[in-house]
Amino acid sequence: MAGLYFEDFEEGTVYDHEVRRTVSEYDNTLFTCLTMNTQPLHLDAEFSKNSIHGERIVNSMFTLALVVGIQVTELTLGTTLGNLGMNDVAFPRPTFHGDTIRARTTVLDKRISKSRDDSGIVNFIHEGFNQNDDLVATVRRTALMATRPKD
């Protein structure tokens, strides 16, 4: 597997992911429509002109999914057995069409599963930053991670 196994994660390790993604109007509109989020701040340019942002903002759930997704190829591809929870989600600044998002992951802690002999639980913090290094999203994620297969 390309992802890291439970044993590979070290508490306190910080990963600055190389993959970045520029968010387009299409991304925002498609995600917003797929999730039935009819908030005019995401869809209506005329409405948004008069908002505190002065323009449409990207659906925060897209930003969250992008920040968590960016780390997959490097850290958890094929080794995550499931997400157990996401807590302390925050969006300190909005994301706009044209922003380029990068992510950082910090391993907070880990423990072997009490109910399974093939996995452990890892707590991560994922942070997303725009091209100006402004923090746009943060989340604490708890994941069930596979342990290294026994030969």
N, C-alpha and C. Protein backbone atom coordinates (compact mmCIF):
# COMPACT_ATOMS: atom_id res chain seq x y z
N MET A 1 0.83 -1.19 0.00
CA MET A 1 0.00 0.00 0.00
C MET A 1 0.88 1.25 0.00
N ALA A 2 0.36 2.28 -0.58
CA ALA A 2 1.10 3.54 -0.62
C ALA A 2 1.03 4.29 0.70
N GLY A 3 -0.06 4.05 1.46
CA GLY A 3 -0.24 4.75 2.72
C GLY A 3 0.64 4.18 3.83
N LEU A 4 0.74 4.94 4.90
CA LEU A 4 1.50 4.51 6.05
C LEU A 4 0.63 3.63 6.94
N TYR A 5 1.25 2.64 7.56
CA TYR A 5 0.55 1.80 8.53
C TYR A 5 0.61 2.46 9.91
N PHE A 6 -0.23 1.97 10.80
CA PHE A 6 -0.30 2.48 12.17
C PHE A 6 1.09 2.64 12.78
N GLU A 7 1.93 1.63 12.61
CA GLU A 7 3.27 1.64 13.22
C GLU A 7 4.16 2.74 12.67
N ASP A 8 3.87 3.22 11.47
CA ASP A 8 4.71 4.23 10.82
C ASP A 8 4.48 5.64 11.36
N PHE A 9 3.36 5.86 12.01
CA PHE A 9 3.04 7.21 12.52
C PHE A 9 3.74 7.45 13.85
N GLU A 10 4.37 8.61 13.96
CA GLU A 10 5.05 9.03 15.18
C GLU A 10 4.37 10.27 15.71
N GLU A 11 4.03 10.25 16.99
CA GLU A 11 3.39 11.40 17.62
C GLU A 11 4.26 12.65 17.44
N GLY A 12 3.62 13.75 17.06
CA GLY A 12 4.32 15.01 16.89
C GLY A 12 4.88 15.26 15.50
N THR A 13 4.85 14.25 14.63
CA THR A 13 5.37 14.43 13.28
C THR A 13 4.44 15.35 12.49
N VAL A 14 5.05 16.28 11.77
CA VAL A 14 4.31 17.24 10.94
C VAL A 14 4.65 16.96 9.48
N TYR A 15 3.61 16.87 8.67
CA TYR A 15 3.76 16.65 7.23
C TYR A 15 3.23 17.87 6.50
N ASP A 16 4.10 18.56 5.76
CA ASP A 16 3.66 19.64 4.87
C ASP A 16 3.52 19.02 3.49
N HIS A 17 2.29 18.85 3.06
CA HIS A 17 2.01 18.11 1.83
C HIS A 17 2.35 18.95 0.59
N GLU A 18 2.97 18.31 -0.37
CA GLU A 18 3.39 18.98 -1.61
C GLU A 18 2.22 19.27 -2.55
N VAL A 19 1.22 18.40 -2.54
CA VAL A 19 0.08 18.59 -3.44
C VAL A 19 -0.68 19.83 -3.04
N ARG A 20 -0.99 20.64 -4.03
CA ARG A 20 -1.80 21.86 -3.84
C ARG A 20 -2.93 21.81 -4.85
N ARG A 21 -3.98 22.58 -4.59
CA ARG A 21 -5.13 22.55 -5.49
C ARG A 21 -5.74 23.93 -5.57
N THR A 22 -5.86 24.45 -6.78
CA THR A 22 -6.56 25.71 -7.00
C THR A 22 -8.04 25.41 -7.14
N VAL A 23 -8.84 26.10 -6.36
CA VAL A 23 -10.29 25.88 -6.32
C VAL A 23 -10.96 26.74 -7.39
N SER A 24 -11.75 26.10 -8.23
CA SER A 24 -12.43 26.83 -9.31
C SER A 24 -13.90 27.09 -8.97
N GLU A 25 -14.49 27.96 -9.74
CA GLU A 25 -15.93 28.21 -9.61
C GLU A 25 -16.70 26.92 -9.86
N TYR A 26 -16.25 26.16 -10.83
CA TYR A 26 -16.90 24.88 -11.15
C TYR A 26 -16.89 23.94 -9.95
N ASP A 27 -15.73 23.82 -9.29
CA ASP A 27 -15.63 22.96 -8.10
C ASP A 27 -16.70 23.34 -7.08
N ASN A 28 -16.78 24.62 -6.79
CA ASN A 28 -17.70 25.12 -5.78
C ASN A 28 -19.16 24.89 -6.18
N THR A 29 -19.49 25.21 -7.42
CA THR A 29 -20.87 25.06 -7.88
C THR A 29 -21.28 23.59 -7.90
N LEU A 30 -20.42 22.73 -8.44
CA LEU A 30 -20.74 21.31 -8.50
C LEU A 30 -20.92 20.73 -7.10
N PHE A 31 -19.98 20.97 -6.21
CA PHE A 31 -20.06 20.43 -4.86
C PHE A 31 -21.31 20.95 -4.14
N THR A 32 -21.57 22.23 -4.29
CA THR A 32 -22.73 22.84 -3.63
C THR A 32 -24.03 22.23 -4.14
N CYS A 33 -24.12 22.02 -5.44
CA CYS A 33 -25.33 21.42 -6.01
C CYS A 33 -25.45 19.94 -5.64
N LEU A 34 -24.35 19.21 -5.68
CA LEU A 34 -24.38 17.79 -5.33
C LEU A 34 -24.84 17.56 -3.89
N THR A 35 -24.50 18.50 -3.01
CA THR A 35 -24.84 18.34 -1.60
C THR A 35 -26.13 19.07 -1.21
N MET A 36 -26.84 19.60 -2.22
CA MET A 36 -28.13 20.26 -2.00
C MET A 36 -28.03 21.48 -1.08
N ASN A 37 -26.89 22.13 -1.05
CA ASN A 37 -26.68 23.30 -0.22
C ASN A 37 -27.05 24.53 -1.05
N THR A 38 -28.21 25.05 -0.83
CA THR A 38 -28.73 26.16 -1.64
C THR A 38 -28.36 27.53 -1.08
N GLN A 39 -27.38 27.58 -0.20
CA GLN A 39 -26.94 28.85 0.37
C GLN A 39 -26.51 29.80 -0.75
N PRO A 40 -27.16 30.97 -0.86
CA PRO A 40 -26.81 31.89 -1.95
C PRO A 40 -25.38 32.43 -1.89
N LEU A 41 -24.74 32.38 -0.74
CA LEU A 41 -23.34 32.82 -0.66
C LEU A 41 -22.43 31.99 -1.55
N HIS A 42 -22.88 30.77 -1.91
CA HIS A 42 -22.07 29.89 -2.75
C HIS A 42 -22.51 29.94 -4.21
N LEU A 43 -23.75 30.31 -4.47
CA LEU A 43 -24.33 30.16 -5.81
C LEU A 43 -24.74 31.45 -6.51
N ASP A 44 -25.01 32.48 -5.77
CA ASP A 44 -25.67 33.68 -6.31
C ASP A 44 -24.71 34.87 -6.25
N ALA A 45 -24.14 35.22 -7.39
CA ALA A 45 -23.17 36.32 -7.45
C ALA A 45 -23.79 37.66 -7.05
N GLU A 46 -25.03 37.90 -7.48
CA GLU A 46 -25.69 39.17 -7.14
C GLU A 46 -25.95 39.28 -5.64
N PHE A 47 -26.45 38.21 -5.05
CA PHE A 47 -26.67 38.19 -3.60
C PHE A 47 -25.35 38.42 -2.86
N SER A 48 -24.31 37.73 -3.31
CA SER A 48 -23.03 37.76 -2.61
C SER A 48 -22.32 39.10 -2.70
N LYS A 49 -22.62 39.88 -3.74
CA LYS A 49 -22.04 41.22 -3.85
C LYS A 49 -22.34 42.06 -2.63
N ASN A 50 -23.51 41.85 -2.05
CA ASN A 50 -23.95 42.63 -0.90
C ASN A 50 -23.64 41.96 0.43
N SER A 51 -22.91 40.86 0.41
CA SER A 51 -22.56 40.17 1.65
C SER A 51 -21.30 40.80 2.25
N ILE A 52 -20.93 40.34 3.43
CA ILE A 52 -19.72 40.86 4.06
C ILE A 52 -18.46 40.49 3.29
N HIS A 53 -18.56 39.50 2.40
CA HIS A 53 -17.41 39.05 1.62
C HIS A 53 -17.29 39.78 0.29
N GLY A 54 -18.41 40.34 -0.21
CA GLY A 54 -18.41 41.08 -1.46
C GLY A 54 -18.40 40.21 -2.71
N GLU A 55 -18.36 38.90 -2.53
CA GLU A 55 -18.36 37.95 -3.64
C GLU A 55 -18.74 36.58 -3.09
N ARG A 56 -18.95 35.62 -4.01
CA ARG A 56 -19.26 34.27 -3.57
C ARG A 56 -18.08 33.66 -2.82
N ILE A 57 -18.40 32.82 -1.86
CA ILE A 57 -17.36 32.09 -1.14
C ILE A 57 -17.53 30.60 -1.43
N VAL A 58 -16.43 29.88 -1.31
CA VAL A 58 -16.45 28.43 -1.55
C VAL A 58 -17.14 27.74 -0.38
N ASN A 59 -17.96 26.77 -0.68
CA ASN A 59 -18.63 25.96 0.31
C ASN A 59 -17.59 25.41 1.30
N SER A 60 -17.77 25.68 2.57
CA SER A 60 -16.78 25.28 3.56
C SER A 60 -16.63 23.76 3.66
N MET A 61 -17.68 23.03 3.34
CA MET A 61 -17.57 21.56 3.36
C MET A 61 -16.65 21.06 2.24
N PHE A 62 -16.62 21.78 1.12
CA PHE A 62 -15.66 21.44 0.06
C PHE A 62 -14.24 21.71 0.55
N THR A 63 -14.05 22.86 1.18
CA THR A 63 -12.72 23.19 1.70
C THR A 63 -12.26 22.13 2.70
N LEU A 64 -13.14 21.71 3.59
CA LEU A 64 -12.80 20.68 4.56
C LEU A 64 -12.42 19.37 3.87
N ALA A 65 -13.24 18.94 2.92
CA ALA A 65 -12.97 17.70 2.20
C ALA A 65 -11.65 17.78 1.44
N LEU A 66 -11.36 18.92 0.86
CA LEU A 66 -10.11 19.10 0.13
C LEU A 66 -8.90 19.01 1.06
N VAL A 67 -8.97 19.67 2.19
CA VAL A 67 -7.86 19.67 3.15
C VAL A 67 -7.60 18.27 3.67
N VAL A 68 -8.66 17.53 3.99
CA VAL A 68 -8.48 16.15 4.45
C VAL A 68 -8.01 15.26 3.29
N GLY A 69 -8.53 15.50 2.10
CA GLY A 69 -8.19 14.67 0.95
C GLY A 69 -6.77 14.83 0.46
N ILE A 70 -6.21 16.01 0.58
CA ILE A 70 -4.86 16.26 0.07
C ILE A 70 -3.84 15.29 0.68
N GLN A 71 -4.04 14.91 1.93
CA GLN A 71 -3.06 14.06 2.61
C GLN A 71 -3.13 12.59 2.21
N VAL A 72 -4.20 12.16 1.57
CA VAL A 72 -4.44 10.73 1.35
C VAL A 72 -3.29 10.05 0.60
N THR A 73 -2.89 10.58 -0.52
CA THR A 73 -1.86 9.92 -1.33
C THR A 73 -0.57 9.73 -0.54
N GLU A 74 -0.22 10.69 0.26
CA GLU A 74 1.04 10.63 1.00
C GLU A 74 0.96 9.80 2.28
N LEU A 75 -0.19 9.84 2.98
CA LEU A 75 -0.24 9.24 4.31
C LEU A 75 -1.15 8.03 4.47
N THR A 76 -2.32 8.03 3.85
CA THR A 76 -3.32 7.03 4.26
C THR A 76 -3.94 6.24 3.12
N LEU A 77 -3.38 6.30 1.93
CA LEU A 77 -3.94 5.60 0.77
C LEU A 77 -3.91 4.10 0.99
N GLY A 78 -5.08 3.51 1.15
CA GLY A 78 -5.21 2.07 1.31
C GLY A 78 -4.97 1.55 2.71
N THR A 79 -4.58 2.41 3.64
CA THR A 79 -4.31 1.95 5.01
C THR A 79 -5.32 2.48 6.02
N THR A 80 -6.16 3.41 5.60
CA THR A 80 -7.24 3.86 6.48
C THR A 80 -8.37 2.84 6.40
N LEU A 81 -8.83 2.39 7.54
CA LEU A 81 -9.95 1.46 7.60
C LEU A 81 -11.26 2.21 7.84
N GLY A 82 -11.17 3.47 8.20
CA GLY A 82 -12.37 4.30 8.37
C GLY A 82 -12.08 5.52 9.22
N ASN A 83 -12.87 6.54 8.99
CA ASN A 83 -12.82 7.72 9.85
C ASN A 83 -13.74 7.46 11.04
N LEU A 84 -13.25 7.72 12.23
CA LEU A 84 -14.05 7.50 13.43
C LEU A 84 -14.70 8.79 13.93
N GLY A 85 -14.14 9.91 13.51
CA GLY A 85 -14.74 11.18 13.93
C GLY A 85 -13.92 12.35 13.47
N MET A 86 -14.60 13.48 13.40
CA MET A 86 -13.95 14.76 13.10
C MET A 86 -14.49 15.76 14.11
N ASN A 87 -13.57 16.45 14.77
CA ASN A 87 -13.92 17.40 15.82
C ASN A 87 -13.16 18.70 15.63
N ASP A 88 -13.60 19.69 16.37
CA ASP A 88 -12.90 20.98 16.41
C ASP A 88 -12.69 21.53 15.00
N VAL A 89 -13.71 21.43 14.16
CA VAL A 89 -13.65 21.97 12.80
C VAL A 89 -13.79 23.48 12.88
N ALA A 90 -12.91 24.19 12.19
CA ALA A 90 -12.99 25.66 12.17
C ALA A 90 -12.57 26.17 10.79
N PHE A 91 -13.18 27.30 10.42
CA PHE A 91 -12.88 27.97 9.16
C PHE A 91 -12.56 29.43 9.48
N PRO A 92 -11.31 29.72 9.86
CA PRO A 92 -10.95 31.07 10.27
C PRO A 92 -11.11 32.13 9.18
N ARG A 93 -10.98 31.72 7.91
CA ARG A 93 -11.15 32.64 6.79
C ARG A 93 -11.87 31.89 5.67
N PRO A 94 -12.63 32.59 4.86
CA PRO A 94 -13.30 31.90 3.75
C PRO A 94 -12.31 31.58 2.63
N THR A 95 -12.69 30.60 1.83
CA THR A 95 -11.98 30.29 0.60
C THR A 95 -12.76 30.89 -0.55
N PHE A 96 -12.05 31.45 -1.52
CA PHE A 96 -12.67 32.09 -2.68
C PHE A 96 -12.28 31.35 -3.96
N HIS A 97 -13.07 31.52 -5.01
CA HIS A 97 -12.71 30.97 -6.31
C HIS A 97 -11.32 31.48 -6.67
N GLY A 98 -10.46 30.58 -7.12
CA GLY A 98 -9.10 30.96 -7.51
C GLY A 98 -8.07 30.79 -6.41
N ASP A 99 -8.50 30.54 -5.18
CA ASP A 99 -7.53 30.30 -4.11
C ASP A 99 -6.85 28.95 -4.32
N THR A 100 -5.57 28.89 -4.00
CA THR A 100 -4.82 27.64 -4.07
C THR A 100 -4.60 27.16 -2.64
N ILE A 101 -5.06 25.93 -2.38
CA ILE A 101 -5.04 25.39 -1.02
C ILE A 101 -3.92 24.37 -0.88
N ARG A 102 -3.20 24.47 0.21
CA ARG A 102 -2.20 23.47 0.60
C ARG A 102 -2.58 22.98 1.99
N ALA A 103 -2.03 21.84 2.38
CA ALA A 103 -2.41 21.25 3.67
C ALA A 103 -1.19 20.82 4.47
N ARG A 104 -1.40 20.81 5.77
CA ARG A 104 -0.41 20.31 6.72
C ARG A 104 -1.13 19.34 7.65
N THR A 105 -0.47 18.22 7.94
CA THR A 105 -1.01 17.23 8.87
C THR A 105 -0.03 17.04 10.02
N THR A 106 -0.57 17.05 11.23
CA THR A 106 0.21 16.77 12.43
C THR A 106 -0.37 15.53 13.09
N VAL A 107 0.50 14.59 13.45
CA VAL A 107 0.07 13.40 14.19
C VAL A 107 0.04 13.78 15.67
N LEU A 108 -1.15 13.76 16.25
CA LEU A 108 -1.30 14.14 17.66
C LEU A 108 -0.93 12.99 18.59
N ASP A 109 -1.56 11.86 18.38
CA ASP A 109 -1.30 10.70 19.23
C ASP A 109 -1.85 9.47 18.55
N LYS A 110 -1.53 8.31 19.14
CA LYS A 110 -2.03 7.06 18.58
C LYS A 110 -2.09 6.01 19.69
N ARG A 111 -2.92 5.01 19.45
CA ARG A 111 -3.00 3.88 20.37
C ARG A 111 -3.49 2.66 19.60
N ILE A 112 -3.12 1.51 20.06
CA ILE A 112 -3.57 0.27 19.43
C ILE A 112 -5.06 0.10 19.74
N SER A 113 -5.80 -0.48 18.83
CA SER A 113 -7.23 -0.71 19.04
C SER A 113 -7.44 -1.70 20.19
N LYS A 114 -8.45 -1.43 21.01
CA LYS A 114 -8.79 -2.34 22.12
C LYS A 114 -9.69 -3.48 21.65
N SER A 115 -10.35 -3.31 20.51
CA SER A 115 -11.32 -4.32 20.06
C SER A 115 -10.91 -5.05 18.79
N ARG A 116 -9.82 -4.61 18.14
CA ARG A 116 -9.38 -5.24 16.89
C ARG A 116 -7.89 -5.51 16.97
N ASP A 117 -7.44 -6.60 16.39
CA ASP A 117 -6.01 -6.90 16.42
C ASP A 117 -5.31 -6.54 15.12
N ASP A 118 -6.02 -5.87 14.22
CA ASP A 118 -5.45 -5.51 12.92
C ASP A 118 -5.37 -4.00 12.70
N SER A 119 -5.52 -3.23 13.78
CA SER A 119 -5.61 -1.78 13.58
C SER A 119 -5.30 -1.00 14.85
N GLY A 120 -5.09 0.28 14.63
CA GLY A 120 -4.89 1.23 15.72
C GLY A 120 -5.61 2.52 15.40
N ILE A 121 -5.69 3.37 16.39
CA ILE A 121 -6.39 4.64 16.25
C ILE A 121 -5.36 5.76 16.28
N VAL A 122 -5.45 6.64 15.27
CA VAL A 122 -4.53 7.77 15.16
C VAL A 122 -5.35 9.05 15.12
N ASN A 123 -4.92 10.02 15.92
CA ASN A 123 -5.53 11.35 15.90
C ASN A 123 -4.61 12.31 15.14
N PHE A 124 -5.21 12.97 14.16
CA PHE A 124 -4.49 13.93 13.32
C PHE A 124 -5.11 15.32 13.47
N ILE A 125 -4.33 16.33 13.20
CA ILE A 125 -4.87 17.66 12.91
C ILE A 125 -4.50 17.96 11.47
N HIS A 126 -5.51 18.30 10.68
CA HIS A 126 -5.29 18.73 9.30
C HIS A 126 -5.56 20.23 9.24
N GLU A 127 -4.66 20.97 8.62
CA GLU A 127 -4.81 22.41 8.47
C GLU A 127 -4.70 22.76 6.99
N GLY A 128 -5.55 23.65 6.53
CA GLY A 128 -5.51 24.12 5.16
C GLY A 128 -5.16 25.59 5.11
N PHE A 129 -4.30 25.93 4.15
CA PHE A 129 -3.84 27.31 3.99
C PHE A 129 -4.03 27.74 2.55
N ASN A 130 -4.33 29.02 2.35
CA ASN A 130 -4.43 29.54 0.98
C ASN A 130 -3.06 30.00 0.50
N GLN A 131 -3.03 30.57 -0.69
CA GLN A 131 -1.77 31.00 -1.32
C GLN A 131 -1.07 32.11 -0.54
N ASN A 132 -1.78 32.78 0.37
CA ASN A 132 -1.19 33.83 1.20
C ASN A 132 -0.78 33.31 2.57
N ASP A 133 -0.84 31.98 2.73
CA ASP A 133 -0.53 31.31 3.99
C ASP A 133 -1.53 31.64 5.10
N ASP A 134 -2.74 32.08 4.71
CA ASP A 134 -3.82 32.28 5.68
C ASP A 134 -4.46 30.93 5.98
N LEU A 135 -4.68 30.64 7.25
CA LEU A 135 -5.36 29.42 7.66
C LEU A 135 -6.84 29.54 7.26
N VAL A 136 -7.31 28.59 6.45
CA VAL A 136 -8.71 28.62 5.99
C VAL A 136 -9.54 27.48 6.57
N ALA A 137 -8.89 26.43 7.07
CA ALA A 137 -9.63 25.31 7.65
C ALA A 137 -8.73 24.51 8.56
N THR A 138 -9.32 23.99 9.62
CA THR A 138 -8.61 23.09 10.52
C THR A 138 -9.60 22.08 11.08
N VAL A 139 -9.13 20.86 11.29
CA VAL A 139 -9.98 19.79 11.81
C VAL A 139 -9.12 18.78 12.55
N ARG A 140 -9.65 18.27 13.64
CA ARG A 140 -9.04 17.14 14.33
C ARG A 140 -9.77 15.89 13.85
N ARG A 141 -9.02 14.95 13.29
CA ARG A 141 -9.63 13.74 12.72
C ARG A 141 -9.09 12.51 13.43
N THR A 142 -10.00 11.61 13.78
CA THR A 142 -9.64 10.33 14.38
C THR A 142 -9.87 9.26 13.33
N ALA A 143 -8.82 8.48 13.04
CA ALA A 143 -8.89 7.47 11.98
C ALA A 143 -8.49 6.10 12.51
N LEU A 144 -9.19 5.09 12.02
CA LEU A 144 -8.82 3.71 12.28
C LEU A 144 -7.83 3.31 11.18
N MET A 145 -6.60 2.99 11.59
CA MET A 145 -5.53 2.72 10.64
C MET A 145 -5.10 1.25 10.74
N ALA A 146 -4.85 0.66 9.59
CA ALA A 146 -4.38 -0.73 9.55
C ALA A 146 -3.00 -0.85 10.16
N THR A 147 -2.77 -1.94 10.87
CA THR A 147 -1.42 -2.25 11.32
C THR A 147 -0.72 -3.01 10.19
N ARG A 148 0.58 -3.05 10.27
CA ARG A 148 1.36 -3.74 9.25
C ARG A 148 0.96 -5.21 9.21
N PRO A 149 0.70 -5.75 8.01
CA PRO A 149 0.29 -7.16 7.92
C PRO A 149 1.34 -8.10 8.49
N LYS A 150 0.88 -9.11 9.16
CA LYS A 150 1.78 -10.13 9.70
C LYS A 150 2.04 -11.16 8.63
N ASP A 151 3.29 -11.48 8.39
CA ASP A 151 3.63 -12.45 7.34
C ASP A 151 3.31 -13.86 7.70
